[in-house]
């Protein structure tokens, strides 16, 4: 979990992120973040709760990426 928070802080300080550039999947029963999504232009990075990138999604444009 610490690696995930560190990753988000590093990315957040290296880019100026609009509000819709990060989203989270939350497990409400266990109270943990299952995965997070970082949107940069037309790329979406899925990061698991251990801080590893699970997948990279590439869309035709940024508006499609934000609809994920």
C-alpha atoms as a PDB file:
ATOM      1  CA  UNK A   1       0.000   0.000   0.000  1.00  0.00           C
ATOM      2  CA  UNK A   2       2.893   2.322   0.762  1.00  0.00           C
ATOM      3  CA  UNK A   3       4.325   1.711  -2.724  1.00  0.00           C
ATOM      4  CA  UNK A   4       0.980   2.697  -4.283  1.00  0.00           C
ATOM      5  CA  UNK A   5       0.789   5.933  -2.303  1.00  0.00           C
ATOM      6  CA  UNK A   6       4.414   6.718  -3.142  1.00  0.00           C
ATOM      7  CA  UNK A   7       3.732   6.079  -6.833  1.00  0.00           C
ATOM      8  CA  UNK A   8       0.707   8.382  -6.826  1.00  0.00           C
ATOM      9  CA  UNK A   9       2.631  11.136  -5.032  1.00  0.00           C
ATOM     10  CA  UNK A  10       5.533  10.916  -7.488  1.00  0.00           C
ATOM     11  CA  UNK A  11       3.211  10.980 -10.480  1.00  0.00           C
ATOM     12  CA  UNK A  12       1.142  13.756  -8.939  1.00  0.00           C
ATOM     13  CA  UNK A  13       4.168  15.955  -8.378  1.00  0.00           C
ATOM     14  CA  UNK A  14       5.644  15.307 -11.811  1.00  0.00           C
ATOM     15  CA  UNK A  15       2.470  16.204 -13.704  1.00  0.00           C
ATOM     16  CA  UNK A  16      -0.252  18.739 -13.244  1.00  0.00           C
ATOM     17  CA  UNK A  17      -3.215  16.404 -12.974  1.00  0.00           C
ATOM     18  CA  UNK A  18      -6.798  17.486 -13.534  1.00  0.00           C
ATOM     19  CA  UNK A  19      -9.398  15.985 -11.191  1.00  0.00           C
ATOM     20  CA  UNK A  20     -10.453  13.250 -13.598  1.00  0.00           C
ATOM     21  CA  UNK A  21      -6.930  11.903 -14.129  1.00  0.00           C
ATOM     22  CA  UNK A  22      -6.976   9.462 -11.204  1.00  0.00           C
ATOM     23  CA  UNK A  23      -9.714   7.051 -10.208  1.00  0.00           C
ATOM     24  CA  UNK A  24      -9.893   4.177  -7.740  1.00  0.00           C
ATOM     25  CA  UNK A  25     -11.572   0.790  -7.295  1.00  0.00           C
ATOM     26  CA  UNK A  26     -12.325   0.445  -3.588  1.00  0.00           C
ATOM     27  CA  UNK A  27     -13.162  -2.744  -1.712  1.00  0.00           C
ATOM     28  CA  UNK A  28     -15.637  -1.359   0.805  1.00  0.00           C
ATOM     29  CA  UNK A  29     -15.883  -4.612   2.771  1.00  0.00           C
ATOM     30  CA  UNK A  30     -12.158  -4.693   3.555  1.00  0.00           C
ATOM     31  CA  UNK A  31     -11.627  -0.925   3.351  1.00  0.00           C
ATOM     32  CA  UNK A  32      -8.766  -1.072   0.847  1.00  0.00           C
ATOM     33  CA  UNK A  33      -7.991   0.336  -2.569  1.00  0.00           C
ATOM     34  CA  UNK A  34      -8.040  -2.619  -4.977  1.00  0.00           C
ATOM     35  CA  UNK A  35      -6.599  -0.729  -7.917  1.00  0.00           C
ATOM     36  CA  UNK A  36      -6.167   2.769  -9.230  1.00  0.00           C
ATOM     37  CA  UNK A  37      -6.238   4.203 -12.723  1.00  0.00           C
ATOM     38  CA  UNK A  38      -3.969   6.988 -13.897  1.00  0.00           C
ATOM     39  CA  UNK A  39      -4.992   8.780 -17.093  1.00  0.00           C
ATOM     40  CA  UNK A  40      -2.341  10.574 -19.131  1.00  0.00           C
ATOM     41  CA  UNK A  41      -3.524  11.851 -22.518  1.00  0.00           C
ATOM     42  CA  UNK A  42      -5.030   8.800 -24.250  1.00  0.00           C
ATOM     43  CA  UNK A  43      -3.236   6.261 -22.016  1.00  0.00           C
ATOM     44  CA  UNK A  44      -4.759   4.639 -18.927  1.00  0.00           C
ATOM     45  CA  UNK A  45      -2.471   2.841 -16.466  1.00  0.00           C
ATOM     46  CA  UNK A  46      -4.059   0.320 -14.104  1.00  0.00           C
ATOM     47  CA  UNK A  47      -2.030   0.065 -10.884  1.00  0.00           C
ATOM     48  CA  UNK A  48      -2.769  -2.679  -8.347  1.00  0.00           C
ATOM     49  CA  UNK A  49      -2.746  -2.200  -4.585  1.00  0.00           C
ATOM     50  CA  UNK A  50       0.899  -3.322  -4.415  1.00  0.00           C
ATOM     51  CA  UNK A  51       2.029  -0.483  -6.681  1.00  0.00           C
ATOM     52  CA  UNK A  52       2.654  -2.564  -9.799  1.00  0.00           C
ATOM     53  CA  UNK A  53       1.254  -1.605 -13.189  1.00  0.00           C
ATOM     54  CA  UNK A  54      -1.142  -4.382 -14.236  1.00  0.00           C
ATOM     55  CA  UNK A  55      -2.253  -3.039 -17.585  1.00  0.00           C
ATOM     56  CA  UNK A  56      -1.893  -0.143 -19.993  1.00  0.00           C
ATOM     57  CA  UNK A  57      -4.916   0.794 -22.083  1.00  0.00           C
ATOM     58  CA  UNK A  58      -4.488   2.975 -25.186  1.00  0.00           C
ATOM     59  CA  UNK A  59      -7.467   4.872 -26.598  1.00  0.00           C
ATOM     60  CA  UNK A  60      -7.943   6.931 -29.733  1.00  0.00           C
ATOM     61  CA  UNK A  61      -8.301  10.173 -27.774  1.00  0.00           C
ATOM     62  CA  UNK A  62      -8.329  11.547 -24.246  1.00  0.00           C
ATOM     63  CA  UNK A  63     -12.116  11.764 -23.930  1.00  0.00           C
ATOM     64  CA  UNK A  64     -12.431   8.010 -24.563  1.00  0.00           C
ATOM     65  CA  UNK A  65      -9.769   7.336 -21.944  1.00  0.00           C
ATOM     66  CA  UNK A  66     -11.629   9.420 -19.362  1.00  0.00           C
ATOM     67  CA  UNK A  67     -14.839   7.446 -19.984  1.00  0.00           C
ATOM     68  CA  UNK A  68     -13.192   4.237 -18.754  1.00  0.00           C
END
